[in-house]
C-alpha atoms as a PDB file:
ATOM      1  CA  MET A   1     182.871  81.348  89.579  1.00  0.00           C
ATOM      2  CA  VAL A   2     183.338  77.808  89.424  1.00  0.00           C
ATOM      3  CA  ARG A   3     185.913  77.685  91.754  1.00  0.00           C
ATOM      4  CA  ILE A   4     184.504  79.702  94.108  1.00  0.00           C
ATOM      5  CA  LEU A   5     181.688  77.472  94.375  1.00  0.00           C
ATOM      6  CA  LEU A   6     183.859  74.164  94.485  1.00  0.00           C
ATOM      7  CA  VAL A   7     185.723  76.209  97.359  1.00  0.00           C
ATOM      8  CA  MET A   8     182.404  76.919  99.462  1.00  0.00           C
ATOM      9  CA  ILE A   9     181.815  73.001  98.818  1.00  0.00           C
ATOM     10  CA  LEU A  10     184.517  71.722  99.700  1.00  0.00           C
ATOM     11  CA  ALA A  11     184.393  73.963 102.954  1.00  0.00           C
ATOM     12  CA  GLY A  12     180.711  73.132 103.655  1.00  0.00           C
ATOM     13  CA  THR A  13     181.396  69.481 102.949  1.00  0.00           C
ATOM     14  CA  CYS A  14     184.551  69.692 106.059  1.00  0.00           C
ATOM     15  CA  PHE A  15     182.914  71.688 108.417  1.00  0.00           C
ATOM     16  CA  ALA A  16     179.621  69.328 108.046  1.00  0.00           C
ATOM     17  CA  CYS A  17     182.276  66.403 109.004  1.00  0.00           C
ATOM     18  CA  LYS A  18     183.713  67.984 112.034  1.00  0.00           C
ATOM     19  CA  LYS A  19     183.433  65.618 114.723  1.00  0.00           C
ATOM     20  CA  SER A  20     181.811  66.440 117.882  1.00  0.00           C
ATOM     21  CA  SER A  21     183.954  68.195 120.401  1.00  0.00           C
ATOM     22  CA  GLU A  22     182.365  65.780 123.520  1.00  0.00           C
ATOM     23  CA  ASP A  23     185.211  63.224 124.549  1.00  0.00           C
ATOM     24  CA  ARG A  24     183.521  59.718 123.854  1.00  0.00           C
ATOM     25  CA  CYS A  25     186.276  58.261 125.647  1.00  0.00           C
ATOM     26  CA  SER A  26     185.906  56.402 129.245  1.00  0.00           C
ATOM     27  CA  PRO A  27     188.323  58.191 131.524  1.00  0.00           C
ATOM     28  CA  ASP A  28     190.773  55.860 133.495  1.00  0.00           C
ATOM     29  CA  SER A  29     189.589  54.212 136.293  1.00  0.00           C
ATOM     30  CA  TYR A  30     191.009  52.288 139.699  1.00  0.00           C
ATOM     31  CA  GLU A  31     190.111  49.618 141.496  1.00  0.00           C
ATOM     32  CA  PHE A  32     191.028  49.396 145.488  1.00  0.00           C
ATOM     33  CA  ILE A  33     190.111  46.358 147.304  1.00  0.00           C
ATOM     34  CA  PHE A  34     190.890  43.303 149.589  1.00  0.00           C
ATOM     35  CA  GLN A  35     189.212  39.864 150.498  1.00  0.00           C
ATOM     36  CA  ASN A  36     189.427  38.638 153.632  1.00  0.00           C
ATOM     37  CA  SER A  37     190.825  34.148 154.156  1.00  0.00           C
ATOM     38  CA  MET A  38     192.333  34.203 150.731  1.00  0.00           C
ATOM     39  CA  ASN A  39     196.048  32.609 149.568  1.00  0.00           C
ATOM     40  CA  ILE A  40     197.748  33.962 145.940  1.00  0.00           C
ATOM     41  CA  ASP A  41     198.730  30.713 144.257  1.00  0.00           C
ATOM     42  CA  THR A  42     201.725  30.680 141.779  1.00  0.00           C
ATOM     43  CA  ILE A  43     203.103  28.820 138.979  1.00  0.00           C
ATOM     44  CA  ARG A  44     205.900  29.334 137.352  1.00  0.00           C
ATOM     45  CA  LEU A  45     206.332  29.705 133.678  1.00  0.00           C
ATOM     46  CA  PHE A  46     208.702  28.420 131.199  1.00  0.00           C
ATOM     47  CA  THR A  47     210.623  31.659 130.052  1.00  0.00           C
ATOM     48  CA  THR A  48     214.579  32.498 129.430  1.00  0.00           C
ATOM     49  CA  ASP A  49     214.339  36.190 130.208  1.00  0.00           C
ATOM     50  CA  PRO A  50     216.604  36.892 133.047  1.00  0.00           C
ATOM     51  CA  THR A  51     215.118  40.642 133.673  1.00  0.00           C
ATOM     52  CA  LEU A  52     211.607  38.803 134.202  1.00  0.00           C
ATOM     53  CA  GLU A  53     210.108  35.904 135.556  1.00  0.00           C
ATOM     54  CA  PHE A  54     206.881  35.206 134.514  1.00  0.00           C
ATOM     55  CA  TYR A  55     203.986  33.400 136.802  1.00  0.00           C
ATOM     56  CA  SER A  56     200.942  32.219 136.660  1.00  0.00           C
ATOM     57  CA  TYR A  57     198.339  32.660 139.214  1.00  0.00           C
ATOM     58  CA  THR A  58     195.381  32.591 140.657  1.00  0.00           C
ATOM     59  CA  LEU A  59     193.454  33.314 144.203  1.00  0.00           C
ATOM     60  CA  SER A  60     191.927  31.080 145.934  1.00  0.00           C
ATOM     61  CA  ALA A  61     190.402  30.636 149.592  1.00  0.00           C
ATOM     62  CA  GLY A  62     192.780  30.384 152.105  1.00  0.00           C
ATOM     63  CA  ASN A  63     194.508  32.414 155.488  1.00  0.00           C
ATOM     64  CA  LYS A  64     195.548  35.528 154.035  1.00  0.00           C
ATOM     65  CA  ILE A  65     194.599  38.753 153.209  1.00  0.00           C
ATOM     66  CA  VAL A  66     194.752  39.515 149.588  1.00  0.00           C
ATOM     67  CA  PHE A  67     194.692  43.130 148.072  1.00  0.00           C
ATOM     68  CA  THR A  68     194.145  44.098 144.650  1.00  0.00           C
ATOM     69  CA  TYR A  69     194.763  46.966 142.571  1.00  0.00           C
ATOM     70  CA  LYS A  70     193.518  47.467 139.229  1.00  0.00           C
ATOM     71  CA  HIS A  71     193.874  50.642 137.104  1.00  0.00           C
ATOM     72  CA  HIS A  72     191.474  50.431 133.794  1.00  0.00           C
ATOM     73  CA  PHE A  73     193.158  52.213 131.087  1.00  0.00           C
ATOM     74  CA  ARG A  74     191.367  55.196 129.282  1.00  0.00           C
ATOM     75  CA  ASP A  75     189.276  53.616 126.162  1.00  0.00           C
ATOM     76  CA  CYS A  76     188.139  54.990 122.965  1.00  0.00           C
ATOM     77  CA  PRO A  77     185.973  53.860 120.667  1.00  0.00           C
ATOM     78  CA  GLU A  78     187.551  55.590 117.563  1.00  0.00           C
ATOM     79  CA  ILE A  79     191.263  53.602 118.373  1.00  0.00           C
ATOM     80  CA  SER A  80     191.895  49.773 118.081  1.00  0.00           C
ATOM     81  CA  ASP A  81     193.479  48.320 120.813  1.00  0.00           C
ATOM     82  CA  ASP A  82     194.210  51.355 123.746  1.00  0.00           C
ATOM     83  CA  GLU A  83     191.966  49.564 126.252  1.00  0.00           C
ATOM     84  CA  GLY A  84     193.730  47.575 129.241  1.00  0.00           C
ATOM     85  CA  LEU A  85     193.964  46.575 132.619  1.00  0.00           C
ATOM     86  CA  GLU A  86     197.062  46.324 135.187  1.00  0.00           C
ATOM     87  CA  THR A  87     196.552  44.293 138.031  1.00  0.00           C
ATOM     88  CA  LEU A  88     198.725  44.276 141.243  1.00  0.00           C
ATOM     89  CA  VAL A  89     198.238  41.806 143.755  1.00  0.00           C
ATOM     90  CA  PHE A  90     199.607  40.445 147.316  1.00  0.00           C
ATOM     91  CA  GLU A  91     198.691  38.788 150.459  1.00  0.00           C
ATOM     92  CA  ILE A  92     199.586  39.556 153.915  1.00  0.00           C
ATOM     93  CA  PRO A  93     198.874  37.228 157.250  1.00  0.00           C
ATOM     94  CA  GLN A  94     194.946  37.191 157.801  1.00  0.00           C
ATOM     95  CA  GLN A  95     196.003  38.931 161.497  1.00  0.00           C
ATOM     96  CA  SER A  96     197.968  42.073 160.486  1.00  0.00           C
ATOM     97  CA  ASP A  97     197.172  45.304 161.754  1.00  0.00           C
ATOM     98  CA  SER A  98     199.861  46.898 159.282  1.00  0.00           C
ATOM     99  CA  PHE A  99     202.855  45.965 157.426  1.00  0.00           C
ATOM    100  CA  GLU A 100     205.397  47.431 155.104  1.00  0.00           C
ATOM    101  CA  PHE A 101     207.383  45.606 152.153  1.00  0.00           C
ATOM    102  CA  ASN A 102     210.665  47.342 151.463  1.00  0.00           C
ATOM    103  CA  ASP A 103     212.779  45.342 149.059  1.00  0.00           C
ATOM    104  CA  SER A 104     212.877  42.084 146.712  1.00  0.00           C
ATOM    105  CA  LEU A 105     212.934  39.791 149.572  1.00  0.00           C
ATOM    106  CA  GLU A 106     209.790  41.051 151.321  1.00  0.00           C
ATOM    107  CA  LEU A 107     208.115  41.770 147.939  1.00  0.00           C
ATOM    108  CA  ARG A 108     208.493  38.005 146.868  1.00  0.00           C
ATOM    109  CA  SER A 109     207.521  36.567 150.536  1.00  0.00           C
ATOM    110  CA  ALA A 110     204.522  38.992 149.931  1.00  0.00           C
ATOM    111  CA  LYS A 111     203.755  37.342 146.520  1.00  0.00           C
ATOM    112  CA  CYS A 112     203.832  41.280 144.891  1.00  0.00           C
ATOM    113  CA  LEU A 113     202.875  40.244 141.025  1.00  0.00           C
ATOM    114  CA  MET A 114     202.032  42.656 138.614  1.00  0.00           C
ATOM    115  CA  HIS A 115     199.676  41.976 135.666  1.00  0.00           C
ATOM    116  CA  PHE A 116     198.996  43.856 132.446  1.00  0.00           C
ATOM    117  CA  SER A 117     196.388  43.118 130.320  1.00  0.00           C
ATOM    118  CA  CYS A 118     196.724  44.838 127.001  1.00  0.00           C
ATOM    119  CA  PHE A 119     198.344  45.192 123.841  1.00  0.00           C
ATOM    120  CA  CYS A 120     201.599  45.651 125.784  1.00  0.00           C
ATOM    121  CA  ALA A 121     204.364  43.807 126.880  1.00  0.00           C
ATOM    122  CA  PRO A 122     205.056  41.862 129.044  1.00  0.00           C
ATOM    123  CA  GLY A 123     202.137  39.637 129.077  1.00  0.00           C
ATOM    124  CA  SER A 124     202.380  36.983 131.855  1.00  0.00           C
ATOM    125  CA  PRO A 125     202.298  38.176 135.679  1.00  0.00           C
ATOM    126  CA  PHE A 126     205.832  38.729 136.993  1.00  0.00           C
ATOM    127  CA  PHE A 127     207.199  39.393 140.423  1.00  0.00           C
ATOM    128  CA  ILE A 128     207.506  43.194 141.572  1.00  0.00           C
ATOM    129  CA  LYS A 129     211.232  43.400 143.036  1.00  0.00           C
ATOM    130  CA  GLN A 130     211.731  47.358 143.757  1.00  0.00           C
ATOM    131  CA  GLY A 131     209.751  49.739 145.859  1.00  0.00           C
ATOM    132  CA  TYR A 132     207.901  49.768 148.850  1.00  0.00           C
ATOM    133  CA  VAL A 133     203.782  48.926 149.566  1.00  0.00           C
ATOM    134  CA  LYS A 134     202.699  49.411 153.439  1.00  0.00           C
ATOM    135  CA  GLY A 135     199.580  49.317 154.861  1.00  0.00           C
ATOM    136  CA  THR A 136     197.397  50.183 157.931  1.00  0.00           C
ATOM    137  CA  ARG A 137     193.948  48.707 159.323  1.00  0.00           C
ATOM    138  CA  ILE A 138     191.133  51.113 159.720  1.00  0.00           C
ATOM    139  CA  ASN A 139     188.711  48.909 160.621  1.00  0.00           C
ATOM    140  CA  SER A 140     187.363  45.863 159.298  1.00  0.00           C
ATOM    141  CA  ASN A 141     185.950  46.750 155.951  1.00  0.00           C
ATOM    142  CA  LYS A 142     188.945  49.083 155.365  1.00  0.00           C
ATOM    143  CA  TRP A 143     192.692  49.592 154.976  1.00  0.00           C
ATOM    144  CA  LYS A 144     195.262  52.258 153.997  1.00  0.00           C
ATOM    145  CA  LEU A 145     197.913  51.564 151.757  1.00  0.00           C
ATOM    146  CA  GLU A 146     200.412  53.702 150.213  1.00  0.00           C
ATOM    147  CA  ALA A 147     202.884  52.615 147.564  1.00  0.00           C
ATOM    148  CA  ASN A 148     205.463  53.749 145.028  1.00  0.00           C
ATOM    149  CA  LEU A 149     206.419  50.261 143.092  1.00  0.00           C
ATOM    150  CA  GLN A 150     209.073  49.816 140.046  1.00  0.00           C
ATOM    151  CA  MET A 151     208.647  47.827 136.711  1.00  0.00           C
ATOM    152  CA  PRO A 152     212.194  45.791 136.836  1.00  0.00           C
ATOM    153  CA  TRP A 153     212.759  46.645 132.364  1.00  0.00           C
ATOM    154  CA  ASN A 154     212.427  50.279 133.070  1.00  0.00           C
ATOM    155  CA  SER A 155     213.187  52.357 136.435  1.00  0.00           C
ATOM    156  CA  GLN A 156     210.352  55.072 135.545  1.00  0.00           C
ATOM    157  CA  SER A 157     207.935  52.645 134.855  1.00  0.00           C
ATOM    158  CA  ILE A 158     206.418  53.506 138.344  1.00  0.00           C
ATOM    159  CA  VAL A 159     202.898  51.691 139.961  1.00  0.00           C
ATOM    160  CA  SER A 160     202.094  54.880 142.400  1.00  0.00           C
ATOM    161  CA  PHE A 161     199.021  54.940 145.011  1.00  0.00           C
ATOM    162  CA  ASN A 162     197.937  55.847 148.754  1.00  0.00           C
ATOM    163  CA  ASN A 163     194.441  54.760 148.845  1.00  0.00           C
ATOM    164  CA  ILE A 164     191.773  53.074 150.813  1.00  0.00           C
ATOM    165  CA  PHE A 165     191.070  49.898 150.258  1.00  0.00           C
ATOM    166  CA  THR A 166     187.984  48.377 150.763  1.00  0.00           C
ATOM    167  CA  LEU A 167     186.423  44.734 151.415  1.00  0.00           C
ATOM    168  CA  LYS A 168     185.127  43.259 148.534  1.00  0.00           C
END
């Protein structure tokens, strides 16, 4: 009888502690924006890594259009350090109505930089060297962009989108 009572108490405790089926995690979210009359200023950071060339960058007033893609990672309150952000920036001439970058030189001249802000590597912005990004101006407030960009350290790590970017 005591055993049955203990089993019932234990079972009741387990069911009472059952978490709600409601997902308390915030979902992944994305931002697709551009800014007129801006520039990307870069500074090379010292590194001995031959695969990644780390840079620091800032956005400043200038004579280019700067595009920014942001992916905010899913965040669950009960999981430590799962939050994060990946940011892609690049610039084109202000007067452009369309563009296409298909190789390392074109991507670098557009200052196509990726930065991860998370408990993951790498910790500093770096130039994208493989893939493509192309876009067409829809009107003064919107651009249609498509990209498929490969991270330098892993051919299967890809940032890909086909979205409308809006003026910030």
